[in-house]
N, C-alpha and C. Protein backbone atom coordinates (compact mmCIF):
# COMPACT_ATOMS: atom_id res chain seq x y z
N MET A 1 3.82 6.69 -8.59
CA MET A 1 3.75 5.25 -8.58
C MET A 1 5.17 4.68 -8.71
N ILE A 2 5.53 3.79 -7.80
CA ILE A 2 6.86 3.18 -7.81
C ILE A 2 6.87 2.06 -8.82
N THR A 3 7.74 2.18 -9.82
CA THR A 3 7.79 1.17 -10.87
C THR A 3 9.22 0.68 -11.13
N ARG A 4 10.06 0.77 -10.12
CA ARG A 4 11.44 0.31 -10.26
C ARG A 4 11.78 -0.64 -9.12
N GLY A 5 12.71 -1.53 -9.38
CA GLY A 5 13.14 -2.41 -8.31
C GLY A 5 13.91 -3.60 -8.80
N ILE A 6 13.94 -4.61 -7.96
CA ILE A 6 14.64 -5.85 -8.27
C ILE A 6 13.71 -7.00 -7.93
N ILE A 7 13.74 -8.04 -8.76
CA ILE A 7 12.88 -9.20 -8.55
C ILE A 7 13.72 -10.46 -8.70
N ALA A 8 13.45 -11.44 -7.84
CA ALA A 8 14.22 -12.68 -7.86
C ALA A 8 13.26 -13.87 -7.82
N GLU A 9 13.66 -14.95 -8.49
CA GLU A 9 12.85 -16.16 -8.59
C GLU A 9 13.47 -17.28 -7.75
N TYR A 10 12.61 -18.01 -7.04
CA TYR A 10 13.06 -19.12 -6.19
C TYR A 10 12.20 -20.35 -6.45
N GLY A 11 12.75 -21.50 -6.11
CA GLY A 11 12.05 -22.75 -6.34
C GLY A 11 11.28 -23.28 -5.15
N THR A 12 11.63 -22.84 -3.94
CA THR A 12 10.95 -23.34 -2.74
C THR A 12 10.57 -22.18 -1.82
N PRO A 13 9.57 -22.38 -0.98
CA PRO A 13 9.19 -21.31 -0.05
C PRO A 13 10.28 -21.01 0.98
N GLU A 14 11.07 -22.01 1.34
CA GLU A 14 12.14 -21.78 2.31
C GLU A 14 13.18 -20.81 1.73
N GLU A 15 13.52 -20.99 0.45
CA GLU A 15 14.46 -20.08 -0.20
C GLU A 15 13.87 -18.67 -0.27
N LEU A 16 12.57 -18.58 -0.52
CA LEU A 16 11.90 -17.29 -0.57
C LEU A 16 11.99 -16.57 0.77
N VAL A 17 11.75 -17.28 1.85
CA VAL A 17 11.83 -16.67 3.19
C VAL A 17 13.26 -16.18 3.46
N ALA A 18 14.25 -16.98 3.08
CA ALA A 18 15.65 -16.57 3.26
C ALA A 18 15.96 -15.33 2.43
N ALA A 19 15.42 -15.26 1.22
CA ALA A 19 15.66 -14.10 0.36
C ALA A 19 15.00 -12.84 0.93
N VAL A 20 13.81 -12.98 1.47
CA VAL A 20 13.14 -11.82 2.07
C VAL A 20 13.96 -11.30 3.24
N ARG A 21 14.48 -12.21 4.05
CA ARG A 21 15.34 -11.78 5.16
C ARG A 21 16.60 -11.09 4.65
N GLU A 22 17.16 -11.62 3.55
CA GLU A 22 18.36 -11.02 2.96
C GLU A 22 18.07 -9.62 2.44
N LEU A 23 16.94 -9.43 1.78
CA LEU A 23 16.58 -8.11 1.28
C LEU A 23 16.31 -7.14 2.41
N ARG A 24 15.70 -7.61 3.49
CA ARG A 24 15.49 -6.77 4.67
C ARG A 24 16.83 -6.35 5.27
N ALA A 25 17.75 -7.30 5.37
CA ALA A 25 19.07 -6.99 5.92
C ALA A 25 19.83 -6.01 5.02
N TYR A 26 19.58 -6.09 3.72
CA TYR A 26 20.22 -5.18 2.77
C TYR A 26 19.67 -3.76 2.90
N GLY A 27 18.49 -3.62 3.51
CA GLY A 27 17.92 -2.29 3.73
C GLY A 27 16.75 -1.95 2.84
N LEU A 28 16.26 -2.91 2.08
CA LEU A 28 15.12 -2.66 1.21
C LEU A 28 13.83 -2.93 1.99
N GLY A 29 12.88 -2.01 1.91
CA GLY A 29 11.71 -2.12 2.76
C GLY A 29 10.41 -2.47 2.06
N ASP A 30 10.15 -1.93 0.87
CA ASP A 30 8.88 -2.16 0.19
C ASP A 30 8.97 -3.46 -0.60
N LEU A 31 8.64 -4.56 0.06
CA LEU A 31 8.75 -5.89 -0.55
C LEU A 31 7.38 -6.46 -0.84
N ASP A 32 7.33 -7.29 -1.88
CA ASP A 32 6.11 -8.02 -2.21
C ASP A 32 6.52 -9.39 -2.73
N THR A 33 5.70 -10.38 -2.44
CA THR A 33 5.98 -11.73 -2.92
C THR A 33 4.85 -12.18 -3.83
N PHE A 34 5.21 -13.03 -4.78
CA PHE A 34 4.26 -13.60 -5.73
C PHE A 34 4.45 -15.11 -5.68
N THR A 35 3.45 -15.81 -5.15
CA THR A 35 3.57 -17.24 -4.91
C THR A 35 2.34 -17.98 -5.41
N PRO A 36 2.47 -19.27 -5.72
CA PRO A 36 1.31 -20.03 -6.18
C PRO A 36 0.32 -20.35 -5.06
N TYR A 37 0.75 -20.28 -3.83
CA TYR A 37 -0.12 -20.49 -2.67
C TYR A 37 0.42 -19.65 -1.52
N PRO A 38 -0.40 -19.36 -0.50
CA PRO A 38 0.07 -18.49 0.58
C PRO A 38 1.25 -19.09 1.35
N VAL A 39 2.25 -18.29 1.59
CA VAL A 39 3.39 -18.68 2.41
C VAL A 39 3.31 -17.83 3.67
N ARG A 40 2.80 -18.40 4.74
CA ARG A 40 2.51 -17.64 5.97
C ARG A 40 3.77 -17.12 6.66
N GLU A 41 4.90 -17.78 6.47
CA GLU A 41 6.14 -17.33 7.13
C GLU A 41 6.61 -15.99 6.58
N VAL A 42 6.20 -15.64 5.37
CA VAL A 42 6.67 -14.41 4.73
C VAL A 42 5.85 -13.19 5.18
N GLU A 43 4.60 -13.41 5.54
CA GLU A 43 3.71 -12.30 5.84
C GLU A 43 4.25 -11.33 6.89
N PRO A 44 4.74 -11.80 8.05
CA PRO A 44 5.27 -10.81 9.00
C PRO A 44 6.56 -10.16 8.52
N LEU A 45 7.31 -10.83 7.65
CA LEU A 45 8.57 -10.28 7.17
C LEU A 45 8.35 -9.13 6.18
N ILE A 46 7.30 -9.22 5.37
CA ILE A 46 7.07 -8.15 4.40
C ILE A 46 6.09 -7.11 4.91
N GLY A 47 5.57 -7.32 6.12
CA GLY A 47 4.70 -6.32 6.74
C GLY A 47 3.27 -6.36 6.27
N VAL A 48 2.71 -7.55 6.09
CA VAL A 48 1.31 -7.66 5.72
C VAL A 48 0.46 -7.23 6.91
N ARG A 49 -0.42 -6.28 6.66
CA ARG A 49 -1.29 -5.77 7.71
C ARG A 49 -2.69 -6.33 7.53
N ARG A 50 -3.48 -6.19 8.56
CA ARG A 50 -4.87 -6.63 8.52
C ARG A 50 -5.64 -5.79 7.50
N SER A 51 -6.51 -6.42 6.76
CA SER A 51 -7.25 -5.75 5.71
C SER A 51 -8.28 -4.78 6.28
N PRO A 52 -8.42 -3.60 5.66
CA PRO A 52 -9.45 -2.65 6.11
C PRO A 52 -10.83 -2.93 5.50
N ILE A 53 -10.93 -3.95 4.66
CA ILE A 53 -12.20 -4.22 3.97
C ILE A 53 -13.35 -4.51 4.93
N PRO A 54 -13.18 -5.30 6.01
CA PRO A 54 -14.32 -5.51 6.91
C PRO A 54 -14.88 -4.23 7.51
N ARG A 55 -14.04 -3.26 7.80
CA ARG A 55 -14.53 -2.00 8.34
C ARG A 55 -15.34 -1.23 7.30
N TRP A 56 -14.89 -1.26 6.04
CA TRP A 56 -15.64 -0.62 4.97
C TRP A 56 -16.99 -1.30 4.77
N VAL A 57 -17.02 -2.63 4.84
CA VAL A 57 -18.27 -3.36 4.66
C VAL A 57 -19.24 -3.03 5.80
N LEU A 58 -18.75 -2.99 7.02
CA LEU A 58 -19.60 -2.63 8.16
C LEU A 58 -20.15 -1.21 7.99
N ALA A 59 -19.30 -0.28 7.61
CA ALA A 59 -19.76 1.10 7.41
C ALA A 59 -20.79 1.17 6.30
N GLY A 60 -20.56 0.45 5.21
CA GLY A 60 -21.53 0.45 4.12
C GLY A 60 -22.86 -0.15 4.54
N GLY A 61 -22.83 -1.24 5.30
CA GLY A 61 -24.07 -1.86 5.77
C GLY A 61 -24.84 -0.95 6.71
N LEU A 62 -24.15 -0.34 7.64
CA LEU A 62 -24.83 0.57 8.57
C LEU A 62 -25.39 1.79 7.85
N LEU A 63 -24.64 2.33 6.91
CA LEU A 63 -25.12 3.46 6.15
C LEU A 63 -26.34 3.08 5.31
N GLY A 64 -26.31 1.89 4.70
CA GLY A 64 -27.45 1.44 3.92
C GLY A 64 -28.70 1.25 4.77
N ALA A 65 -28.54 0.65 5.94
CA ALA A 65 -29.69 0.46 6.83
C ALA A 65 -30.25 1.80 7.30
N ALA A 66 -29.37 2.71 7.69
CA ALA A 66 -29.83 4.02 8.17
C ALA A 66 -30.52 4.79 7.05
N LEU A 67 -29.96 4.74 5.85
CA LEU A 67 -30.56 5.45 4.73
C LEU A 67 -31.93 4.87 4.38
N ALA A 68 -32.05 3.55 4.35
CA ALA A 68 -33.34 2.92 4.04
C ALA A 68 -34.38 3.27 5.11
N TYR A 69 -33.98 3.20 6.37
CA TYR A 69 -34.92 3.53 7.45
C TYR A 69 -35.34 4.99 7.35
N LEU A 70 -34.41 5.88 7.07
CA LEU A 70 -34.73 7.30 6.95
C LEU A 70 -35.71 7.55 5.80
N ILE A 71 -35.48 6.91 4.66
CA ILE A 71 -36.37 7.09 3.52
C ILE A 71 -37.77 6.57 3.85
N GLU A 72 -37.85 5.40 4.49
CA GLU A 72 -39.15 4.86 4.86
C GLU A 72 -39.87 5.77 5.86
N TRP A 73 -39.15 6.23 6.85
CA TRP A 73 -39.75 7.11 7.86
C TRP A 73 -40.24 8.40 7.20
N TRP A 74 -39.41 8.99 6.33
CA TRP A 74 -39.79 10.24 5.69
C TRP A 74 -41.06 10.06 4.85
N CYS A 75 -41.11 8.98 4.09
CA CYS A 75 -42.28 8.75 3.24
C CYS A 75 -43.54 8.50 4.07
N ALA A 76 -43.43 7.70 5.14
CA ALA A 76 -44.62 7.31 5.91
C ALA A 76 -45.06 8.34 6.93
N ALA A 77 -44.12 9.08 7.51
CA ALA A 77 -44.48 9.96 8.63
C ALA A 77 -44.45 11.44 8.28
N VAL A 78 -43.71 11.84 7.27
CA VAL A 78 -43.55 13.27 7.00
C VAL A 78 -44.15 13.65 5.64
N SER A 79 -43.70 13.00 4.60
CA SER A 79 -44.08 13.39 3.26
C SER A 79 -45.51 13.01 2.90
N TYR A 80 -45.93 11.80 3.25
CA TYR A 80 -47.26 11.33 2.86
C TYR A 80 -47.87 10.52 3.99
N PRO A 81 -48.23 11.16 5.09
CA PRO A 81 -48.81 10.41 6.22
C PRO A 81 -50.24 9.95 5.92
N VAL A 82 -50.47 8.67 6.14
CA VAL A 82 -51.79 8.10 5.92
C VAL A 82 -52.18 7.33 7.17
N ILE A 83 -53.37 7.60 7.70
CA ILE A 83 -53.84 6.88 8.87
C ILE A 83 -54.49 5.60 8.38
N VAL A 84 -53.94 4.46 8.78
CA VAL A 84 -54.47 3.16 8.37
C VAL A 84 -54.78 2.37 9.63
N GLY A 85 -56.03 2.13 9.90
CA GLY A 85 -56.44 1.31 11.04
C GLY A 85 -56.01 1.86 12.38
N GLY A 86 -55.78 3.15 12.50
CA GLY A 86 -55.39 3.74 13.76
C GLY A 86 -53.94 3.52 14.13
N ARG A 87 -53.11 3.02 13.20
CA ARG A 87 -51.68 2.78 13.49
C ARG A 87 -50.93 4.12 13.45
N PRO A 88 -49.83 4.19 14.18
CA PRO A 88 -49.04 5.43 14.15
C PRO A 88 -48.33 5.60 12.80
N TYR A 89 -47.97 6.84 12.50
CA TYR A 89 -47.25 7.10 11.24
C TYR A 89 -45.89 6.40 11.23
N HIS A 90 -45.22 6.45 12.36
CA HIS A 90 -43.90 5.82 12.46
C HIS A 90 -44.06 4.45 13.11
N SER A 91 -44.12 3.43 12.29
CA SER A 91 -44.26 2.07 12.78
C SER A 91 -42.96 1.33 12.53
N ALA A 92 -42.09 1.31 13.51
CA ALA A 92 -40.74 0.76 13.36
C ALA A 92 -40.71 -0.70 12.91
N PRO A 93 -41.54 -1.60 13.44
CA PRO A 93 -41.45 -2.99 12.99
C PRO A 93 -41.69 -3.16 11.48
N ALA A 94 -42.47 -2.30 10.90
CA ALA A 94 -42.71 -2.40 9.46
C ALA A 94 -41.50 -1.93 8.65
N PHE A 95 -40.64 -1.11 9.23
CA PHE A 95 -39.49 -0.57 8.50
C PHE A 95 -38.25 -1.46 8.59
N VAL A 96 -38.20 -2.35 9.56
CA VAL A 96 -36.99 -3.15 9.81
C VAL A 96 -36.63 -4.08 8.65
N PRO A 97 -37.55 -4.85 8.05
CA PRO A 97 -37.14 -5.78 6.99
C PRO A 97 -36.49 -5.08 5.79
N ILE A 98 -37.06 -3.98 5.35
CA ILE A 98 -36.48 -3.28 4.21
C ILE A 98 -35.13 -2.66 4.57
N ALA A 99 -35.02 -2.13 5.78
CA ALA A 99 -33.73 -1.58 6.23
C ALA A 99 -32.67 -2.68 6.28
N PHE A 100 -33.07 -3.85 6.77
CA PHE A 100 -32.13 -4.97 6.84
C PHE A 100 -31.68 -5.40 5.44
N GLU A 101 -32.61 -5.55 4.52
CA GLU A 101 -32.27 -5.96 3.16
C GLU A 101 -31.40 -4.92 2.46
N THR A 102 -31.66 -3.66 2.69
CA THR A 102 -30.83 -2.61 2.10
C THR A 102 -29.43 -2.62 2.70
N ALA A 103 -29.34 -2.92 3.99
CA ALA A 103 -28.01 -3.03 4.62
C ALA A 103 -27.21 -4.15 3.96
N ILE A 104 -27.85 -5.29 3.71
CA ILE A 104 -27.16 -6.41 3.05
C ILE A 104 -26.72 -6.01 1.65
N LEU A 105 -27.60 -5.35 0.90
CA LEU A 105 -27.27 -4.94 -0.47
C LEU A 105 -26.10 -3.98 -0.50
N VAL A 106 -26.14 -2.94 0.32
CA VAL A 106 -25.07 -1.93 0.31
C VAL A 106 -23.76 -2.52 0.83
N ALA A 107 -23.84 -3.39 1.83
CA ALA A 107 -22.62 -4.03 2.35
C ALA A 107 -21.98 -4.92 1.29
N SER A 108 -22.77 -5.67 0.55
CA SER A 108 -22.19 -6.54 -0.48
C SER A 108 -21.61 -5.73 -1.63
N LEU A 109 -22.25 -4.65 -2.02
CA LEU A 109 -21.68 -3.79 -3.06
C LEU A 109 -20.40 -3.11 -2.59
N THR A 110 -20.38 -2.72 -1.32
CA THR A 110 -19.16 -2.13 -0.75
C THR A 110 -18.03 -3.15 -0.75
N ALA A 111 -18.32 -4.38 -0.38
CA ALA A 111 -17.30 -5.43 -0.38
C ALA A 111 -16.76 -5.66 -1.78
N PHE A 112 -17.63 -5.70 -2.76
CA PHE A 112 -17.22 -5.91 -4.15
C PHE A 112 -16.26 -4.82 -4.61
N VAL A 113 -16.63 -3.57 -4.38
CA VAL A 113 -15.80 -2.45 -4.81
C VAL A 113 -14.49 -2.41 -4.01
N ALA A 114 -14.56 -2.67 -2.70
CA ALA A 114 -13.36 -2.61 -1.86
C ALA A 114 -12.35 -3.69 -2.26
N VAL A 115 -12.80 -4.87 -2.59
CA VAL A 115 -11.88 -5.92 -3.01
C VAL A 115 -11.19 -5.53 -4.31
N ILE A 116 -11.92 -4.97 -5.24
CA ILE A 116 -11.31 -4.53 -6.51
C ILE A 116 -10.29 -3.43 -6.26
N VAL A 117 -10.62 -2.48 -5.40
CA VAL A 117 -9.71 -1.36 -5.15
C VAL A 117 -8.47 -1.81 -4.38
N TYR A 118 -8.65 -2.57 -3.29
CA TYR A 118 -7.51 -2.96 -2.46
C TYR A 118 -6.64 -4.03 -3.11
N ALA A 119 -7.19 -4.81 -4.02
CA ALA A 119 -6.38 -5.79 -4.74
C ALA A 119 -5.71 -5.17 -5.97
N ARG A 120 -5.97 -3.90 -6.20
CA ARG A 120 -5.41 -3.15 -7.33
C ARG A 120 -5.70 -3.85 -8.66
N LEU A 121 -6.94 -4.33 -8.81
CA LEU A 121 -7.30 -5.05 -10.02
C LEU A 121 -7.56 -4.13 -11.21
N LEU A 122 -7.68 -2.85 -10.99
CA LEU A 122 -7.88 -1.93 -12.09
C LEU A 122 -6.57 -1.56 -12.77
N ARG A 123 -5.46 -1.97 -12.20
CA ARG A 123 -4.15 -1.67 -12.78
C ARG A 123 -3.93 -2.59 -13.98
N LEU A 124 -3.72 -2.02 -15.15
CA LEU A 124 -3.59 -2.82 -16.36
C LEU A 124 -2.15 -3.16 -16.70
N TYR A 125 -1.19 -2.46 -16.10
CA TYR A 125 0.21 -2.69 -16.44
C TYR A 125 1.07 -2.60 -15.19
N ASP A 126 2.03 -3.50 -15.11
CA ASP A 126 3.04 -3.45 -14.06
C ASP A 126 4.32 -4.01 -14.66
N PRO A 127 5.44 -3.32 -14.53
CA PRO A 127 6.68 -3.81 -15.15
C PRO A 127 7.13 -5.16 -14.60
N VAL A 128 6.64 -5.55 -13.43
CA VAL A 128 7.00 -6.87 -12.89
C VAL A 128 6.50 -7.97 -13.81
N PHE A 129 5.36 -7.74 -14.46
CA PHE A 129 4.76 -8.77 -15.31
C PHE A 129 5.61 -9.07 -16.54
N GLU A 130 6.51 -8.18 -16.91
CA GLU A 130 7.35 -8.39 -18.08
C GLU A 130 8.63 -9.17 -17.76
N THR A 131 8.84 -9.52 -16.52
CA THR A 131 10.02 -10.29 -16.15
C THR A 131 9.95 -11.67 -16.80
N PRO A 132 11.03 -12.09 -17.45
CA PRO A 132 11.02 -13.41 -18.11
C PRO A 132 10.74 -14.52 -17.09
N GLY A 133 9.78 -15.38 -17.38
CA GLY A 133 9.44 -16.49 -16.51
C GLY A 133 8.47 -16.17 -15.40
N PHE A 134 8.00 -14.91 -15.32
CA PHE A 134 7.12 -14.52 -14.21
C PHE A 134 5.78 -15.23 -14.25
N GLU A 135 5.37 -15.71 -15.42
CA GLU A 135 4.08 -16.39 -15.51
C GLU A 135 4.04 -17.66 -14.65
N ARG A 136 5.19 -18.17 -14.26
CA ARG A 136 5.23 -19.37 -13.42
C ARG A 136 4.96 -19.05 -11.95
N ALA A 137 4.77 -17.78 -11.62
CA ALA A 137 4.46 -17.41 -10.23
C ALA A 137 3.13 -17.98 -9.79
N SER A 138 2.24 -18.25 -10.72
CA SER A 138 0.96 -18.84 -10.36
C SER A 138 0.96 -20.36 -10.51
N VAL A 139 2.11 -20.94 -10.84
CA VAL A 139 2.18 -22.38 -11.05
C VAL A 139 3.08 -23.05 -10.01
N ASP A 140 4.39 -22.75 -10.07
CA ASP A 140 5.31 -23.48 -9.20
C ASP A 140 6.55 -22.70 -8.77
N ARG A 141 6.61 -21.42 -9.00
CA ARG A 141 7.77 -20.62 -8.62
C ARG A 141 7.39 -19.58 -7.60
N PHE A 142 8.37 -19.13 -6.85
CA PHE A 142 8.20 -18.14 -5.78
C PHE A 142 9.06 -16.94 -6.12
N TRP A 143 8.44 -15.76 -6.15
CA TRP A 143 9.13 -14.54 -6.53
C TRP A 143 9.06 -13.53 -5.39
N VAL A 144 10.12 -12.76 -5.25
CA VAL A 144 10.12 -11.64 -4.31
C VAL A 144 10.59 -10.41 -5.08
N ALA A 145 9.86 -9.31 -4.89
CA ALA A 145 10.20 -8.05 -5.55
C ALA A 145 10.41 -6.99 -4.49
N ALA A 146 11.43 -6.18 -4.71
CA ALA A 146 11.69 -5.03 -3.86
C ALA A 146 11.50 -3.79 -4.71
N PHE A 147 10.55 -2.94 -4.32
CA PHE A 147 10.25 -1.72 -5.05
C PHE A 147 11.01 -0.57 -4.40
N VAL A 148 11.67 0.24 -5.24
CA VAL A 148 12.50 1.34 -4.73
C VAL A 148 12.24 2.60 -5.54
N ASP A 149 12.67 3.74 -5.00
CA ASP A 149 12.55 4.98 -5.76
C ASP A 149 13.75 5.15 -6.68
N ALA A 150 13.80 6.26 -7.42
CA ALA A 150 14.81 6.44 -8.46
C ALA A 150 16.23 6.49 -7.90
N THR A 151 16.45 7.16 -6.76
CA THR A 151 17.81 7.26 -6.24
C THR A 151 18.33 5.92 -5.74
N VAL A 152 17.49 5.16 -5.06
CA VAL A 152 17.91 3.84 -4.58
C VAL A 152 18.09 2.90 -5.77
N PHE A 153 17.31 3.08 -6.83
CA PHE A 153 17.46 2.24 -8.02
C PHE A 153 18.81 2.45 -8.67
N ARG A 154 19.28 3.70 -8.70
CA ARG A 154 20.62 3.95 -9.26
C ARG A 154 21.69 3.27 -8.41
N GLU A 155 21.50 3.27 -7.08
CA GLU A 155 22.44 2.56 -6.20
C GLU A 155 22.38 1.06 -6.45
N LEU A 156 21.18 0.53 -6.67
CA LEU A 156 21.05 -0.90 -6.97
C LEU A 156 21.75 -1.25 -8.28
N GLU A 157 21.60 -0.39 -9.28
CA GLU A 157 22.28 -0.64 -10.55
C GLU A 157 23.78 -0.65 -10.38
N ALA A 158 24.29 0.26 -9.54
CA ALA A 158 25.73 0.31 -9.32
C ALA A 158 26.23 -0.91 -8.55
N ASP A 159 25.42 -1.41 -7.61
CA ASP A 159 25.82 -2.56 -6.79
C ASP A 159 25.03 -3.82 -7.16
N ALA A 160 24.65 -3.92 -8.43
CA ALA A 160 23.81 -5.05 -8.86
C ALA A 160 24.52 -6.37 -8.66
N ALA A 161 25.81 -6.42 -8.88
CA ALA A 161 26.54 -7.68 -8.74
C ALA A 161 26.57 -8.14 -7.29
N GLY A 162 26.73 -7.20 -6.35
CA GLY A 162 26.76 -7.57 -4.93
C GLY A 162 25.43 -8.10 -4.44
N LEU A 163 24.36 -7.40 -4.76
CA LEU A 163 23.03 -7.86 -4.35
C LEU A 163 22.65 -9.13 -5.07
N ARG A 164 22.98 -9.22 -6.35
CA ARG A 164 22.68 -10.43 -7.12
C ARG A 164 23.40 -11.63 -6.48
N GLY A 165 24.63 -11.43 -6.06
CA GLY A 165 25.38 -12.51 -5.41
C GLY A 165 24.73 -12.94 -4.11
N LYS A 166 24.24 -11.97 -3.31
CA LYS A 166 23.58 -12.31 -2.05
C LYS A 166 22.29 -13.09 -2.30
N LEU A 167 21.52 -12.65 -3.30
CA LEU A 167 20.26 -13.34 -3.60
C LEU A 167 20.50 -14.72 -4.20
N GLU A 168 21.53 -14.84 -5.01
CA GLU A 168 21.83 -16.16 -5.59
C GLU A 168 22.38 -17.11 -4.52
N SER A 169 23.08 -16.56 -3.53
CA SER A 169 23.53 -17.42 -2.43
C SER A 169 22.35 -17.92 -1.60
N ALA A 170 21.22 -17.17 -1.63
CA ALA A 170 20.00 -17.61 -0.95
C ALA A 170 19.20 -18.57 -1.82
N GLY A 171 19.69 -18.87 -3.04
CA GLY A 171 19.04 -19.86 -3.90
C GLY A 171 18.30 -19.30 -5.10
N ALA A 172 18.55 -18.05 -5.47
CA ALA A 172 17.82 -17.44 -6.59
C ALA A 172 18.18 -18.11 -7.90
N MET A 173 17.16 -18.42 -8.69
CA MET A 173 17.37 -18.95 -10.02
C MET A 173 17.58 -17.82 -11.02
N ARG A 174 16.95 -16.68 -10.74
CA ARG A 174 17.02 -15.55 -11.65
C ARG A 174 16.86 -14.28 -10.84
N VAL A 175 17.66 -13.25 -11.13
CA VAL A 175 17.57 -11.96 -10.49
C VAL A 175 17.53 -10.90 -11.59
N VAL A 176 16.50 -10.06 -11.58
CA VAL A 176 16.31 -9.09 -12.67
C VAL A 176 16.01 -7.72 -12.05
N LEU A 177 16.69 -6.69 -12.54
CA LEU A 177 16.33 -5.32 -12.23
C LEU A 177 15.24 -4.90 -13.21
N PHE A 178 14.19 -4.26 -12.73
CA PHE A 178 13.12 -3.83 -13.63
C PHE A 178 12.82 -2.37 -13.38
N ALA A 179 12.42 -1.71 -14.46
CA ALA A 179 12.01 -0.30 -14.37
C ALA A 179 10.95 -0.07 -15.44
N GLY A 180 9.87 0.52 -15.02
CA GLY A 180 8.77 0.82 -15.93
C GLY A 180 8.59 2.31 -16.05
N PRO A 181 7.67 2.72 -16.91
CA PRO A 181 7.41 4.17 -17.03
C PRO A 181 6.82 4.71 -15.75
N SER A 182 7.30 5.86 -15.32
CA SER A 182 6.80 6.43 -14.07
C SER A 182 5.82 7.54 -14.27
């Protein structure tokens, strides 16, 4: 788990976009932004990709429908066949409503779990959260963090003044190097 890097605070989204470009030009790749509202100009710069959650939900729904239909078919046609009014053992129209409802149930549970997993909501600690003033990221400040490995972090520490100067020239109010337990 990468727990080292540099984080900078900005007052406007325009300054944030300029800082992301500056960090990209500096050669840092794993960037993340923390903003009070979505800043669409930053998304292509930090490499936001399309979410895989819809595919997981579709797969869960199809699996739920297939499993429900299979269970109904097995019970009615194989395990306990009962002749009722001359109807066939496998009566597909009777199985569709339960299969549909099971598909909805499994798809919604899949969506719930996928959102928790992909949003990393089970993570209880992140060293970024200990940055002084970071609580304003949900109110009125814009933050950009660059996550790096140990060797690049040592280079950042050695050249902290140079990078700090570049970020402050882009309008940074605060620039902090952070490192958490790895």
